[in-house]
Structures are given as C-alpha cells and as structure tokens.
Amino acid sequence: MAVNSVLLQPGWMSGTLLSDVIVAFVLVVVVKSVVVPTFKFFNAHRKLWKTVPSPTPHWLLGHVLQLPHNDDGYRKRVEMIRDYPFMFCYQISWLDNQVFFYHPEPIKKLLTTQNPKGYKNVKHLLGNGLITSSGKKWQRHRHMLTPVFYFEVLKTYVKTFNESIPLLTDWLEKVAESGEYGDICKQLAILSYSNLSQCVMSQPAYKNGTPMPYAKAIETFSQTSMKRLYNPLMLSDKIFFRTKMGKEMLDACNTVHEAVRKIIRDRKQVLAQSDKNEKVSCATEDGTFLSFQSRKNKSLDFLDMLIQAKDEKGQGLGEQDIVDEVTTMFSAGQETTANAMSWFSYLLAKNQDWQEKCRAEVTEVCGSDGEILWEDIPRLKILSLCVKETLRLYPVASVVARKLTSDMTFKNPYNSNQTVTLDKGTSVVINFHTLHRHPDFWEDPEAFDPERFTAERSKDRPPFAYLPFSGSYRNCIGQNFALNQIKVTFCHILRRYRLRLPPGVKNIAMDPAITLQPHNGVLVKVEKI
C-alpha cells in the first residue's frame, strides 16, 4: 500500500526540476551510447548480409555449428566454393561477422593495400611485433629486421640444423628398432623448438627432456587463445580475463615476457663486454655490408642483430620492441615449421613413390652421410616440389585476418556487371586452405601432385592463388629460414629411414588451431634404409 501511494502521487519521479534534468540526461546518454551504436551495428551487419551471399545462418549462433572450426568445417568450406566461388559472409554469432576470401582477385587487392591485421587474441603475447603491428611502426621494424633474414645470415643456421638433428634421428632409431608406430609430430616439435631457440637467442628450449618455462608458456598460450577464438561468450576481454582460462593466458604471457626480458638484458651486458674488434659482417642484396658485434666463440644469433639493429636515423629498438620481436619470431616460427614438417612426414609416408624420388635425389646431391651443406639446398628440385605441394594442401598459417580501414570495392570475376563494396571496419579473413583447393585454379585439388609446381604447369596460374606464406609486402619474413630447416631435416631422415603409415590410414584429420596441425598427431612406422 505504501508503494502504491507513492506511485500515485503526482510528480513522484520528477518532483523537482533537478530530477527532470537528471532523468533527461540519463536518457540522452543511454540513447547516444547504447541505442544509436546498437542500431548502427545491426544496420551495418544487415547491409553486409545482403551484400555478401552466405548460407542461411542460425539466428543466434550464426555459422559456428554449420561450419565449425575443425576438419569437417574446413572441408565444408571447400565444398561451398561450388555455390559461392567468390566470397561469403561467415557469422560467428549475431554479434560478429567476417567476410571470407578464397579467390585470388579479391585477395590480391586486399593484400596489396594497407589494412591492419586482425590479431587481437595473440597481441597479448606478441605485443607490437611484425605480425601484429601496422603503419609506421611496422614499416620501421620490417626495414630493421630484414637483414636478419638475408641469405648470408641464413647460411650460418644450416650448421645449427645439422647439429640438432640427433634430437630426431635418435628417436627414429628407437622406433625403427621397436617395430612399433610412433607419433613423429612430437619429435618434430622438439626439434623445431630447439632450432629456433638456438637461432633466435642461443638458448636451450629443453632441459633434461623438459620444456623450459617460456617454451611451455607459449604452448599454453596457443591452446587457450584458440579455444577463445570461436567461443562467442569469450569475445569480450572483460569477461575472458576473469575466467580461469583467461588468467592462465595472462600468466603464460607474463612468463614468456619476463624470461625474454632477462635474456635480452644479460645479452646486452655480454655484448658490451665483448672485444670490440670481434665483428661479423654480412652483405645485403643491394651490396651493402652490415657489421655486428659478436660474442667470444659464439655464433651470431637473431638477438645479437636485433639489439644492434639501427634505422636510417641511427636509432635502435627499445627493450619492449625487442621483447615483442623475439617473442614473435619464437612463437610464430616454431609452431608453423613443426606443423609443416609433420604434414610433410604424413604425405611422404602416404605417397611412397614420391618418398623414393626424394630419397634418390637427396642421396645423389648430398651423399649418404655427413652434413647437409648450404650449397646443396638449391639443388634439391624434387624435394622442393614436394614441400611446395605439402604447403598447398596444408598451409600451416591457414588464415589471416584484416580489418578494413576504408571502404573497398571488389569486382566479381564471375559477373562483370557486379561489384561488392565492403564498408570500413569490416573484418575480412583470407582462408588459404580453401584458396589452395579452389577448383578454378587447381586441377584435382585434393591430390598430392608435386609436379603441378613445375615451371610449365605453373606459368598460367595467378600468383595469388598460392600463398603459403601470405603475400605482398606483409609476407612472412622468415619463410626461407623455415624452408631451409624443413629441407635439411628431411635430407637427414630420407638418407637413413623410410616412413610408412599404419595399415588402413588414408587421411589424417586437420586441427585448425592457431596453425593448421594434424589431429592427434602422425603415427609412422620407421624402417632403416
């Protein structure tokens, strides 16, 4: 009765002019900050749905259940090319949409314009490194880091690849003697971790068979970030970082950053105390010679060069910049290379004829024993074709994202009278896995056919139809480092062992984590040659 009496009193809600003003102000704030943005949001997405065709989505969950982020979903995306050969709109939920590109023409236009990468999830670990930065910062860092990957520098790392190979061959020997099947993925990951940790910062990735804390933390980050990516409930940082999984991710990031920061500070002290006369020089592609201070009796690594790199004004990278770039190199380079080698193992074991062709070439070029030389690598033509075909079928960086900074119009190659305009702010995802299976550019796209990369069969193929390391000016800076490591590793394997799949195994499912990896590994039987 008391409440009703109050409600019935005239002016109970606006008894004073001040209360009327407060109510009006609150209403204006709510309309401006909530109602108007919400209306604009839904209007923009409604326009996008009408502009870019797509399968009918679920009203709440979009295409998440229809096209899940797993092996089945990836295969369905390829099947959709029949109905949507140009692009389609993928709805993560009613809150978010992405436009998927998998045709060379729109991909070319997108990659040759400056749009920032949409890697919000990995930015907590990688900071403002080459993968996540944009604009002038990216341009400056790219220019300063390019010498790190010149051929003259990469030559020195072939020695590291040769020296670390027992990490793999000792395991292969044990599996061969046992006659059992073993998961080669785990050993390739150990090898890749060790190679990259030595080449980047001259640090062991493992101690007594146990991953170093920073290596384990990177693995934890990778697992949690992928679980988050396609969970609509975890899109908000405010929600995610209050969950157990979010806290684990932040702890992993802190572990990595603290470890790398300590390594950087220790290295600076070592370089400062080194003999100033001990220098390592290398030539760039334009003939310029770069000189770096070296450590006594130590090979030059990426960290040495990052600490000493200078821009055109003679200014170096700050400590946080070096932390971000070291973390980026280690995180991005390790997992991608390990998974590429895992897929290569699977395809060679599945295609024994090509395995034998590669073995014959390796033996002829490199001999039956000893180190693989830098000069040997360019002569491995058949092996190179097989690596290219592996990266076509299983591009380990299977997607990249962009956020449009301005409206962009794309011509429909299947209808000369039609164009598609995507508004500023639209999220675009390039799916390289689908691109590499587009039937308009790849004959029998599911087949393992390395000869499709011969000069004769490649001459009419659009360059943006094959992008295992992305394309244009933001392509992968470390691609030659990765390819050399793969080739050196498999030269050692093929000279001594034959890989076979278990009976009845025809296909291995894909697991699209941050990188595309084999689901549940790759079991192989190892036979001595």
Protein backbone atom coordinates (compact mmCIF):
# COMPACT_ATOMS: atom_id res chain seq x y z
CA MET A 1 0.00 0.00 0.00
CA ALA A 2 2.85 2.35 0.86
CA VAL A 3 4.50 1.80 -2.54
CA ASN A 4 1.20 2.32 -4.40
CA SER A 5 0.58 5.53 -2.51
CA VAL A 6 3.96 6.86 -3.62
CA LEU A 7 3.42 5.83 -7.23
CA LEU A 8 0.02 7.54 -7.33
CA GLN A 9 1.39 10.81 -6.13
CA PRO A 10 1.76 13.30 -8.98
CA GLY A 11 5.37 14.11 -9.84
CA TRP A 12 6.75 11.16 -7.82
CA MET A 13 9.51 10.72 -10.40
CA SER A 14 10.12 14.36 -11.22
CA GLY A 15 9.16 16.30 -8.15
CA THR A 16 11.85 18.83 -8.83
CA LEU A 17 13.38 20.41 -11.89
CA LEU A 18 16.71 18.83 -10.98
CA SER A 19 15.30 15.30 -11.09
CA ASP A 20 13.73 16.02 -14.51
CA VAL A 21 17.10 17.19 -15.81
CA ILE A 22 18.88 14.08 -14.42
CA VAL A 23 16.34 11.72 -15.99
CA ALA A 24 16.61 13.50 -19.33
CA PHE A 25 20.40 13.41 -19.18
CA VAL A 26 20.41 9.66 -18.42
CA LEU A 27 18.03 9.01 -21.31
CA VAL A 28 20.24 11.00 -23.71
CA VAL A 29 23.35 9.13 -22.55
CA VAL A 30 21.65 5.75 -22.94
CA VAL A 31 20.32 6.60 -26.39
CA LYS A 32 23.67 8.00 -27.56
CA SER A 33 25.94 5.33 -26.08
CA VAL A 34 23.73 2.24 -26.38
CA VAL A 35 20.72 2.64 -28.63
CA VAL A 36 22.37 4.53 -31.52
CA PRO A 37 25.54 2.33 -31.68
CA THR A 38 23.40 -0.81 -31.46
CA PHE A 39 21.19 0.43 -34.28
CA LYS A 40 24.25 1.30 -36.40
CA PHE A 41 25.81 -2.08 -35.61
CA PHE A 42 22.80 -4.10 -36.71
CA ASN A 43 22.19 -1.87 -39.70
CA ALA A 44 25.81 -2.36 -40.86
CA HIS A 45 25.61 -6.12 -40.43
CA ARG A 46 22.22 -6.33 -42.10
CA LYS A 47 23.74 -4.47 -45.05
CA LEU A 48 26.70 -6.88 -45.05
CA TRP A 49 24.42 -9.92 -45.08
CA LYS A 50 22.60 -8.51 -48.12
CA THR A 51 25.83 -7.51 -49.89
CA VAL A 52 27.78 -10.75 -49.49
CA PRO A 53 25.86 -14.01 -50.01
CA SER A 54 26.18 -16.79 -47.48
CA PRO A 55 24.40 -19.97 -46.33
CA THR A 56 21.44 -19.35 -44.06
CA PRO A 57 22.84 -18.90 -40.54
CA HIS A 58 21.39 -19.86 -37.17
CA TRP A 59 19.62 -16.85 -35.68
CA LEU A 60 21.86 -16.83 -32.59
CA LEU A 61 24.98 -18.89 -33.32
CA GLY A 62 25.46 -17.90 -36.95
CA HIS A 63 27.57 -20.43 -38.86
CA VAL A 64 29.51 -21.73 -35.85
CA LEU A 65 27.67 -25.06 -35.78
CA GLN A 66 27.14 -25.26 -39.54
CA LEU A 67 30.79 -24.51 -40.40
CA PRO A 68 32.74 -25.34 -37.24
CA HIS A 69 36.40 -24.55 -36.84
CA ASN A 70 37.55 -28.14 -37.28
CA ASP A 71 38.35 -30.67 -40.01
CA ASP A 72 34.72 -31.10 -41.01
CA GLY A 73 34.16 -27.34 -41.14
CA TYR A 74 37.25 -26.79 -43.26
CA ARG A 75 36.15 -29.43 -45.76
CA LYS A 76 32.67 -27.90 -45.94
CA ARG A 77 34.20 -24.52 -46.73
CA VAL A 78 35.88 -26.09 -49.76
CA GLU A 79 32.60 -27.68 -50.84
CA MET A 80 30.92 -24.26 -50.62
CA ILE A 81 33.07 -22.97 -53.48
CA ARG A 82 30.53 -24.54 -55.85
CA ASP A 83 27.82 -22.18 -54.64
CA TYR A 84 29.97 -19.25 -53.52
CA PRO A 85 33.09 -19.19 -55.75
CA PHE A 86 33.97 -15.56 -54.93
CA MET A 87 33.44 -14.89 -51.19
CA PHE A 88 30.87 -15.43 -48.48
CA CYS A 89 29.81 -13.90 -45.18
CA TYR A 90 30.59 -16.01 -42.11
CA GLN A 91 28.65 -15.17 -38.97
CA ILE A 92 30.34 -16.12 -35.71
CA SER A 93 27.15 -15.10 -33.91
CA TRP A 94 24.59 -12.33 -34.13
CA LEU A 95 27.31 -10.15 -32.59
CA ASP A 96 30.04 -10.62 -35.16
CA ASN A 97 30.60 -11.28 -38.87
CA GLN A 98 33.57 -11.96 -41.10
CA VAL A 99 33.85 -11.97 -44.87
CA PHE A 100 35.81 -14.99 -46.10
CA PHE A 101 38.11 -14.56 -49.12
CA TYR A 102 39.46 -17.53 -51.08
CA HIS A 103 39.65 -16.24 -54.66
CA PRO A 104 42.96 -14.74 -55.93
CA GLU A 105 41.45 -11.49 -57.23
CA PRO A 106 39.97 -10.01 -54.03
CA ILE A 107 42.89 -11.45 -52.04
CA LYS A 108 45.38 -9.64 -54.27
CA LYS A 109 43.60 -6.33 -53.81
CA LEU A 110 43.32 -6.80 -50.06
CA LEU A 111 46.94 -7.80 -49.50
CA THR A 112 48.36 -5.02 -51.68
CA THR A 113 46.63 -2.34 -49.59
CA GLN A 114 47.49 -1.34 -46.04
CA ASN A 115 44.89 -2.78 -43.69
CA PRO A 116 45.90 -3.83 -40.16
CA LYS A 117 45.89 -7.49 -39.24
CA GLY A 118 43.03 -8.54 -37.00
CA TYR A 119 45.04 -10.49 -34.43
CA LYS A 120 43.53 -9.25 -31.21
CA ASN A 121 43.88 -12.63 -29.50
CA VAL A 122 47.63 -13.01 -29.99
CA LYS A 123 48.51 -9.38 -29.27
CA HIS A 124 48.71 -10.10 -25.54
CA LEU A 125 51.71 -12.35 -26.21
CA LEU A 126 53.26 -10.82 -29.35
CA GLY A 127 52.74 -7.18 -28.41
CA ASN A 128 53.60 -4.93 -31.35
CA GLY A 129 55.87 -7.31 -33.25
CA LEU A 130 55.84 -7.72 -37.02
CA ILE A 131 52.73 -9.90 -37.06
CA THR A 132 50.50 -7.57 -35.03
CA SER A 133 51.85 -4.05 -35.65
CA SER A 134 50.85 -1.77 -38.51
CA GLY A 135 51.59 1.60 -40.07
CA LYS A 136 54.89 3.39 -39.47
CA LYS A 137 55.86 1.12 -36.59
CA TRP A 138 55.54 -1.97 -38.77
CA GLN A 139 57.44 -0.31 -41.64
CA ARG A 140 60.30 0.69 -39.35
CA HIS A 141 60.58 -2.76 -37.75
CA ARG A 142 60.31 -4.59 -41.06
CA HIS A 143 63.12 -2.48 -42.52
CA MET A 144 65.32 -3.06 -39.46
CA LEU A 145 64.65 -6.81 -39.27
CA THR A 146 65.08 -7.60 -42.96
CA PRO A 147 68.89 -8.01 -42.65
CA VAL A 148 68.29 -10.72 -40.04
CA PHE A 149 66.92 -12.94 -42.81
CA TYR A 150 69.37 -12.23 -45.63
CA PHE A 151 70.85 -15.31 -47.28
CA GLU A 152 74.32 -14.56 -45.93
CA VAL A 153 72.91 -14.70 -42.40
CA LEU A 154 70.78 -17.78 -43.02
CA LYS A 155 73.83 -19.75 -44.12
CA THR A 156 75.11 -19.85 -40.56
CA TYR A 157 71.94 -21.54 -39.30
CA VAL A 158 72.33 -24.59 -41.53
CA LYS A 159 75.07 -25.66 -39.11
CA THR A 160 72.57 -25.46 -36.23
CA PHE A 161 70.05 -27.55 -38.17
CA ASN A 162 72.69 -30.23 -38.76
CA GLU A 163 73.89 -30.25 -35.16
CA SER A 164 70.41 -30.62 -33.67
CA ILE A 165 69.29 -33.49 -35.94
CA PRO A 166 70.13 -36.23 -33.34
CA LEU A 167 67.12 -34.97 -31.36
CA LEU A 168 65.05 -36.53 -34.14
CA THR A 169 67.22 -39.33 -35.53
CA ASP A 170 67.85 -40.87 -32.09
CA TRP A 171 64.08 -41.17 -31.71
CA LEU A 172 63.68 -42.55 -35.23
CA GLU A 173 66.33 -45.17 -34.46
CA LYS A 174 64.46 -46.31 -31.34
CA VAL A 175 61.14 -46.52 -33.18
CA ALA A 176 62.75 -48.45 -36.03
CA GLU A 177 64.28 -50.97 -33.60
CA SER A 178 61.00 -51.40 -31.71
CA GLY A 179 58.95 -52.13 -34.84
CA GLU A 180 56.12 -50.09 -33.31
CA TYR A 181 54.41 -46.94 -34.56
CA GLY A 182 55.39 -43.59 -33.09
CA ASP A 183 54.00 -40.05 -33.27
CA ILE A 184 56.59 -38.12 -35.23
CA CYS A 185 54.86 -34.78 -34.58
CA LYS A 186 56.12 -34.58 -31.01
CA GLN A 187 59.73 -35.11 -32.02
CA LEU A 188 59.49 -32.61 -34.87
CA ALA A 189 58.10 -30.05 -32.42
CA ILE A 190 61.05 -30.68 -30.07
CA LEU A 191 63.47 -30.29 -32.97
CA SER A 192 61.83 -27.10 -34.22
CA TYR A 193 61.73 -25.60 -30.71
CA SER A 194 65.41 -26.38 -30.22
CA ASN A 195 66.47 -24.99 -33.61
CA LEU A 196 64.56 -21.77 -33.22
CA SER A 197 65.58 -21.19 -29.61
CA GLN A 198 69.24 -21.60 -30.57
CA CYS A 199 68.99 -19.44 -33.71
CA VAL A 200 66.94 -16.68 -32.11
CA MET A 201 68.64 -16.32 -28.72
CA SER A 202 71.18 -19.14 -28.25
CA GLN A 203 69.07 -20.70 -25.52
CA PRO A 204 68.04 -24.33 -24.98
CA ALA A 205 64.32 -24.97 -25.40
CA TYR A 206 64.55 -28.15 -23.31
CA LYS A 207 66.49 -29.19 -20.23
CA ASN A 208 66.72 -32.90 -19.45
CA GLY A 209 63.80 -33.50 -21.79
CA THR A 210 61.56 -30.93 -20.09
CA PRO A 211 60.46 -27.73 -21.88
CA MET A 212 61.93 -24.53 -20.50
CA PRO A 213 59.27 -22.39 -18.76
CA TYR A 214 58.99 -19.92 -21.64
CA ALA A 215 58.54 -22.73 -24.19
CA LYS A 216 55.83 -24.35 -22.09
CA ALA A 217 54.13 -20.98 -21.58
CA ILE A 218 53.96 -20.36 -25.35
CA GLU A 219 52.30 -23.75 -25.78
CA THR A 220 49.74 -22.86 -23.08
CA PHE A 221 49.02 -19.52 -24.75
CA SER A 222 48.47 -21.19 -28.12
CA GLN A 223 45.97 -23.65 -26.67
CA THR A 224 43.94 -21.10 -24.70
CA SER A 225 43.83 -18.46 -27.43
CA MET A 226 42.41 -20.91 -29.94
CA LYS A 227 39.74 -22.11 -27.52
CA ARG A 228 38.72 -18.50 -27.12
CA LEU A 229 38.70 -17.51 -30.81
CA TYR A 230 35.49 -19.28 -31.77
CA ASN A 231 33.68 -19.06 -28.44
CA PRO A 232 31.24 -16.12 -28.70
CA LEU A 233 30.97 -15.95 -24.90
CA MET A 234 34.70 -15.17 -24.66
CA LEU A 235 34.92 -12.34 -27.20
CA SER A 236 34.95 -9.65 -24.51
CA ASP A 237 38.26 -9.12 -22.68
CA LYS A 238 36.34 -8.08 -19.58
CA ILE A 239 34.67 -11.49 -19.46
CA PHE A 240 37.51 -13.65 -20.74
CA PHE A 241 40.24 -12.44 -18.39
CA ARG A 242 38.01 -13.10 -15.40
CA THR A 243 37.80 -16.77 -16.33
CA LYS A 244 40.29 -19.47 -15.36
CA MET A 245 41.34 -19.83 -18.98
CA GLY A 246 41.90 -16.09 -19.35
CA LYS A 247 44.04 -15.95 -16.22
CA GLU A 248 46.11 -18.88 -17.49
CA MET A 249 46.71 -16.97 -20.72
CA LEU A 250 47.89 -13.84 -18.90
CA ASP A 251 50.17 -15.92 -16.65
CA ALA A 252 51.66 -17.57 -19.75
CA CYS A 253 52.28 -14.17 -21.38
CA ASN A 254 53.97 -12.83 -18.25
CA THR A 255 56.19 -15.92 -18.02
CA VAL A 256 57.36 -15.52 -21.61
CA HIS A 257 57.93 -11.78 -21.39
CA GLU A 258 59.87 -11.97 -18.12
CA ALA A 259 62.11 -14.77 -19.44
CA VAL A 260 62.82 -12.97 -22.73
CA ARG A 261 63.44 -9.65 -20.99
CA LYS A 262 66.04 -11.25 -18.71
CA ILE A 263 67.77 -12.90 -21.69
CA ILE A 264 67.89 -9.54 -23.51
CA ARG A 265 69.41 -7.70 -20.53
CA ASP A 266 72.01 -10.42 -19.98
CA ARG A 267 72.90 -10.36 -23.68
CA LYS A 268 73.37 -6.60 -23.71
CA GLN A 269 75.89 -6.94 -20.88
CA VAL A 270 77.76 -9.68 -22.73
CA LEU A 271 77.92 -7.63 -25.94
CA ALA A 272 79.09 -4.55 -24.03
CA GLN A 273 81.98 -6.56 -22.55
CA SER A 274 82.94 -8.28 -25.82
CA ASP A 275 86.10 -7.49 -27.75
CA LYS A 276 85.18 -4.55 -29.94
CA ASN A 277 87.42 -5.90 -32.68
CA GLU A 278 85.38 -9.09 -33.00
CA LYS A 279 82.82 -8.27 -35.66
CA VAL A 280 80.68 -10.28 -38.05
CA SER A 281 79.88 -8.71 -41.42
CA CYS A 282 77.29 -9.79 -43.94
CA ALA A 283 76.26 -8.47 -47.33
CA THR A 284 72.69 -7.46 -48.14
CA GLU A 285 71.03 -7.95 -51.51
CA ASP A 286 71.95 -4.42 -52.62
CA GLY A 287 75.63 -5.00 -51.81
CA THR A 288 75.61 -3.09 -48.51
CA PHE A 289 77.75 -4.57 -45.75
CA LEU A 290 76.36 -4.72 -42.23
CA SER A 291 78.62 -5.25 -39.25
CA PHE A 292 77.58 -6.70 -35.89
CA GLN A 293 79.44 -7.08 -32.63
CA SER A 294 79.87 -10.78 -31.85
CA ARG A 295 80.27 -12.69 -28.61
CA LYS A 296 83.50 -14.58 -27.98
CA ASN A 297 83.41 -18.03 -29.58
CA LYS A 298 79.68 -17.68 -30.24
CA SER A 299 77.74 -17.64 -33.48
CA LEU A 300 75.75 -14.54 -34.28
CA ASP A 301 72.05 -15.10 -33.49
CA PHE A 302 68.90 -13.10 -34.18
CA LEU A 303 69.01 -11.45 -30.75
CA ASP A 304 72.54 -10.12 -31.34
CA MET A 305 71.34 -8.44 -34.52
CA LEU A 306 68.08 -7.14 -33.02
CA ILE A 307 69.94 -5.45 -30.18
CA GLN A 308 72.34 -3.78 -32.64
CA ALA A 309 69.89 -3.02 -35.48
CA LYS A 310 69.60 0.66 -36.43
CA ASP A 311 67.16 2.60 -38.57
CA GLU A 312 68.12 5.26 -41.10
CA LYS A 313 68.42 7.80 -38.25
CA GLY A 314 70.82 5.57 -36.34
CA GLN A 315 68.26 4.72 -33.67
CA GLY A 316 67.83 1.19 -32.34
CA LEU A 317 64.91 -0.79 -30.98
CA GLY A 318 63.71 -0.25 -27.42
CA GLU A 319 63.70 -3.13 -24.95
CA GLN A 320 59.96 -3.72 -25.30
CA ASP A 321 60.30 -3.69 -29.09
CA ILE A 322 62.99 -6.39 -28.86
CA VAL A 323 60.85 -8.42 -26.44
CA ASP A 324 57.94 -8.26 -28.91
CA GLU A 325 60.06 -9.25 -31.92
CA VAL A 326 61.88 -12.10 -30.15
CA THR A 327 58.57 -13.45 -28.86
CA THR A 328 57.06 -13.12 -32.33
CA MET A 329 59.95 -14.95 -34.01
CA PHE A 330 59.96 -17.75 -31.48
CA SER A 331 56.18 -18.19 -31.24
CA ALA A 332 55.32 -17.86 -34.92
CA GLY A 333 58.35 -19.67 -36.29
CA GLN A 334 58.37 -22.73 -34.08
CA GLU A 335 54.81 -23.95 -34.41
CA THR A 336 54.47 -23.24 -38.12
CA THR A 337 57.68 -25.07 -39.04
CA ALA A 338 56.95 -28.03 -36.76
CA ASN A 339 53.48 -28.49 -38.24
CA ALA A 340 54.74 -28.10 -41.81
CA MET A 341 57.24 -30.90 -41.15
CA SER A 342 54.51 -33.03 -39.58
CA TRP A 343 52.32 -32.71 -42.67
CA PHE A 344 55.32 -33.42 -44.91
CA SER A 345 56.03 -36.61 -42.94
CA TYR A 346 52.42 -37.68 -43.39
CA LEU A 347 52.36 -37.02 -47.15
CA LEU A 348 55.70 -38.73 -47.81
CA ALA A 349 54.59 -41.76 -45.79
CA LYS A 350 51.31 -41.79 -47.71
CA ASN A 351 52.94 -41.36 -51.13
CA GLN A 352 55.77 -43.88 -51.21
CA ASP A 353 56.61 -43.20 -54.85
CA TRP A 354 57.42 -39.57 -54.11
CA GLN A 355 59.29 -40.53 -50.96
CA GLU A 356 61.55 -42.74 -53.07
CA LYS A 357 62.10 -39.98 -55.64
CA CYS A 358 63.10 -37.56 -52.88
CA ARG A 359 65.42 -40.16 -51.32
CA ALA A 360 67.20 -40.79 -54.61
CA GLU A 361 67.71 -37.08 -55.18
CA VAL A 362 68.97 -36.42 -51.65
CA THR A 363 71.47 -39.27 -51.89
CA GLU A 364 72.72 -38.03 -55.26
CA VAL A 365 73.02 -34.39 -54.18
CA CYS A 366 74.09 -34.69 -50.55
CA GLY A 367 75.65 -38.13 -50.34
CA SER A 368 74.67 -40.93 -47.99
CA ASP A 369 76.20 -39.42 -44.86
CA GLY A 370 77.59 -36.23 -43.35
CA GLU A 371 76.27 -32.69 -43.00
CA ILE A 372 73.88 -31.06 -45.45
CA LEU A 373 75.65 -28.07 -46.98
CA TRP A 374 74.15 -24.69 -47.79
CA GLU A 375 75.17 -25.20 -51.43
CA ASP A 376 73.19 -28.47 -51.58
CA ILE A 377 69.83 -26.92 -50.77
CA PRO A 378 69.09 -25.15 -54.12
CA ARG A 379 69.88 -28.39 -55.99
CA LEU A 380 67.08 -30.34 -54.28
CA LYS A 381 64.48 -29.77 -57.01
CA ILE A 382 62.19 -32.76 -56.34
CA LEU A 383 62.26 -32.23 -52.59
CA SER A 384 61.33 -28.59 -53.13
CA LEU A 385 58.36 -29.52 -55.31
CA CYS A 386 57.11 -31.89 -52.59
CA VAL A 387 57.47 -29.22 -49.90
CA LYS A 388 55.51 -26.75 -52.04
CA GLU A 389 52.72 -29.26 -52.57
CA THR A 390 52.62 -30.00 -48.86
CA LEU A 391 52.17 -26.31 -48.09
CA ARG A 392 49.45 -26.09 -50.71
CA LEU A 393 47.41 -28.89 -49.18
CA TYR A 394 48.17 -27.90 -45.60
CA PRO A 395 49.15 -24.22 -45.34
CA VAL A 396 50.05 -24.11 -41.66
CA ALA A 397 49.09 -20.46 -41.34
CA SER A 398 45.71 -21.34 -42.80
CA VAL A 399 44.01 -17.98 -42.24
CA VAL A 400 44.94 -14.33 -41.84
CA ALA A 401 42.58 -11.57 -40.79
CA ARG A 402 42.33 -7.93 -41.80
CA LYS A 403 40.24 -5.01 -40.60
CA LEU A 404 39.34 -2.60 -43.41
CA THR A 405 40.45 0.96 -42.74
CA SER A 406 38.34 2.33 -45.59
CA ASP A 407 35.54 1.19 -47.89
CA MET A 408 36.76 -1.28 -50.54
CA THR A 409 35.07 -2.36 -53.76
CA PHE A 410 35.79 -5.71 -55.37
CA LYS A 411 34.86 -6.80 -58.88
CA ASN A 412 33.12 -10.14 -59.18
CA PRO A 413 35.23 -12.19 -61.65
CA TYR A 414 32.18 -14.38 -62.34
CA ASN A 415 29.91 -11.44 -63.19
CA SER A 416 31.50 -8.45 -64.92
CA ASN A 417 28.48 -6.27 -64.09
CA GLN A 418 28.62 -6.92 -60.36
CA THR A 419 30.80 -5.37 -57.66
CA VAL A 420 30.83 -5.88 -53.90
CA THR A 421 31.58 -2.94 -51.61
CA LEU A 422 32.70 -3.69 -48.05
CA ASP A 423 32.46 -0.85 -45.57
CA LYS A 424 35.25 0.49 -43.40
CA GLY A 425 35.61 -1.62 -40.25
CA THR A 426 34.59 -4.90 -41.92
CA SER A 427 36.52 -7.95 -40.73
CA VAL A 428 37.95 -9.96 -43.62
CA VAL A 429 39.51 -13.42 -43.30
CA ILE A 430 41.64 -14.96 -46.04
CA ASN A 431 41.33 -18.74 -45.91
CA PHE A 432 44.45 -20.12 -47.60
CA HIS A 433 43.33 -23.71 -47.13
CA THR A 434 40.25 -23.03 -49.26
CA LEU A 435 42.20 -20.85 -51.72
CA HIS A 436 44.66 -23.69 -52.35
CA ARG A 437 41.79 -26.01 -53.23
CA HIS A 438 39.82 -23.66 -55.45
CA PRO A 439 38.91 -25.85 -58.47
CA ASP A 440 39.21 -22.91 -60.89
CA PHE A 441 42.96 -22.81 -60.25
CA TRP A 442 43.87 -26.31 -59.12
CA GLU A 443 43.15 -29.44 -61.11
CA ASP A 444 42.18 -32.37 -58.86
CA PRO A 445 42.87 -30.17 -55.82
CA GLU A 446 42.78 -32.95 -53.20
CA ALA A 447 45.51 -35.00 -54.90
CA PHE A 448 49.17 -34.87 -53.86
CA ASP A 449 50.77 -33.84 -57.14
CA PRO A 450 54.13 -32.03 -56.71
CA GLU A 451 54.57 -31.70 -60.48
CA ARG A 452 51.84 -29.09 -60.54
CA PHE A 453 54.61 -26.71 -59.39
CA THR A 454 56.86 -27.27 -62.37
CA ALA A 455 57.50 -24.16 -64.46
CA GLU A 456 55.36 -25.44 -67.31
CA ARG A 457 52.29 -26.14 -65.21
CA SER A 458 52.66 -23.02 -63.07
CA LYS A 459 53.11 -20.40 -65.78
CA ASP A 460 49.39 -19.59 -66.21
CA ARG A 461 48.43 -19.80 -62.55
CA PRO A 462 47.69 -16.45 -60.84
CA PRO A 463 50.46 -15.66 -58.33
CA PHE A 464 47.90 -15.01 -55.59
CA ALA A 465 46.42 -18.50 -55.99
CA TYR A 466 49.27 -19.95 -53.91
CA LEU A 467 50.19 -18.12 -50.71
CA PRO A 468 51.65 -20.47 -48.08
CA PHE A 469 53.50 -17.50 -46.54
CA SER A 470 50.83 -14.89 -47.31
CA GLY A 471 51.68 -12.32 -49.98
CA SER A 472 52.67 -8.82 -50.98
CA TYR A 473 54.67 -6.58 -48.65
CA ARG A 474 53.42 -8.31 -45.46
CA ASN A 475 54.50 -11.79 -46.44
CA CYS A 476 56.33 -13.97 -43.92
CA ILE A 477 59.81 -12.56 -43.35
CA GLY A 478 61.09 -15.92 -42.09
CA GLN A 479 59.94 -18.15 -44.95
CA ASN A 480 63.45 -19.01 -46.21
CA PHE A 481 64.58 -19.84 -42.68
CA ALA A 482 61.63 -22.25 -42.33
CA LEU A 483 62.08 -23.84 -45.77
CA ASN A 484 65.79 -24.42 -45.21
CA GLN A 485 65.11 -26.07 -41.87
CA ILE A 486 62.49 -28.38 -43.44
CA LYS A 487 64.80 -29.41 -46.28
CA VAL A 488 67.85 -30.04 -44.09
CA THR A 489 65.75 -32.07 -41.66
CA PHE A 490 64.25 -34.32 -44.33
CA CYS A 491 67.57 -34.83 -46.07
CA HIS A 492 68.78 -36.45 -42.86
CA ILE A 493 65.58 -38.51 -42.49
CA LEU A 494 65.39 -39.76 -46.06
CA ARG A 495 69.02 -40.87 -46.26
CA ARG A 496 68.60 -43.25 -43.32
CA TYR A 497 64.92 -44.10 -42.88
CA ARG A 498 61.70 -44.93 -44.68
CA LEU A 499 58.40 -43.69 -43.20
CA ARG A 500 55.16 -45.66 -43.50
CA LEU A 501 51.61 -45.08 -42.26
CA PRO A 502 49.69 -47.69 -40.29
CA PRO A 503 47.60 -50.05 -42.47
CA GLY A 504 44.23 -48.62 -43.42
CA VAL A 505 45.13 -44.99 -42.69
CA LYS A 506 44.21 -42.91 -45.73
CA ASN A 507 43.63 -39.45 -44.33
CA ILE A 508 44.52 -37.60 -41.15
CA ALA A 509 42.08 -35.02 -39.85
CA MET A 510 43.07 -31.38 -39.62
CA ASP A 511 43.08 -29.48 -36.34
CA PRO A 512 42.86 -25.74 -37.14
CA ALA A 513 44.46 -24.29 -34.02
CA ILE A 514 46.46 -21.07 -34.36
CA THR A 515 48.28 -23.08 -37.03
CA LEU A 516 46.91 -26.00 -39.03
CA GLN A 517 48.10 -29.19 -37.38
CA PRO A 518 47.37 -32.93 -37.67
CA HIS A 519 44.64 -34.04 -35.30
CA ASN A 520 46.08 -36.50 -32.78
CA GLY A 521 49.49 -36.43 -34.46
CA VAL A 522 51.01 -38.57 -37.21
CA LEU A 523 51.77 -42.19 -36.39
CA VAL A 524 54.53 -43.64 -38.56
CA LYS A 525 56.44 -46.88 -38.83
CA VAL A 526 60.16 -46.28 -39.30
CA GLU A 527 62.31 -48.61 -41.40
CA LYS A 528 66.08 -48.36 -41.71
CA ILE A 529 67.41 -47.95 -45.23
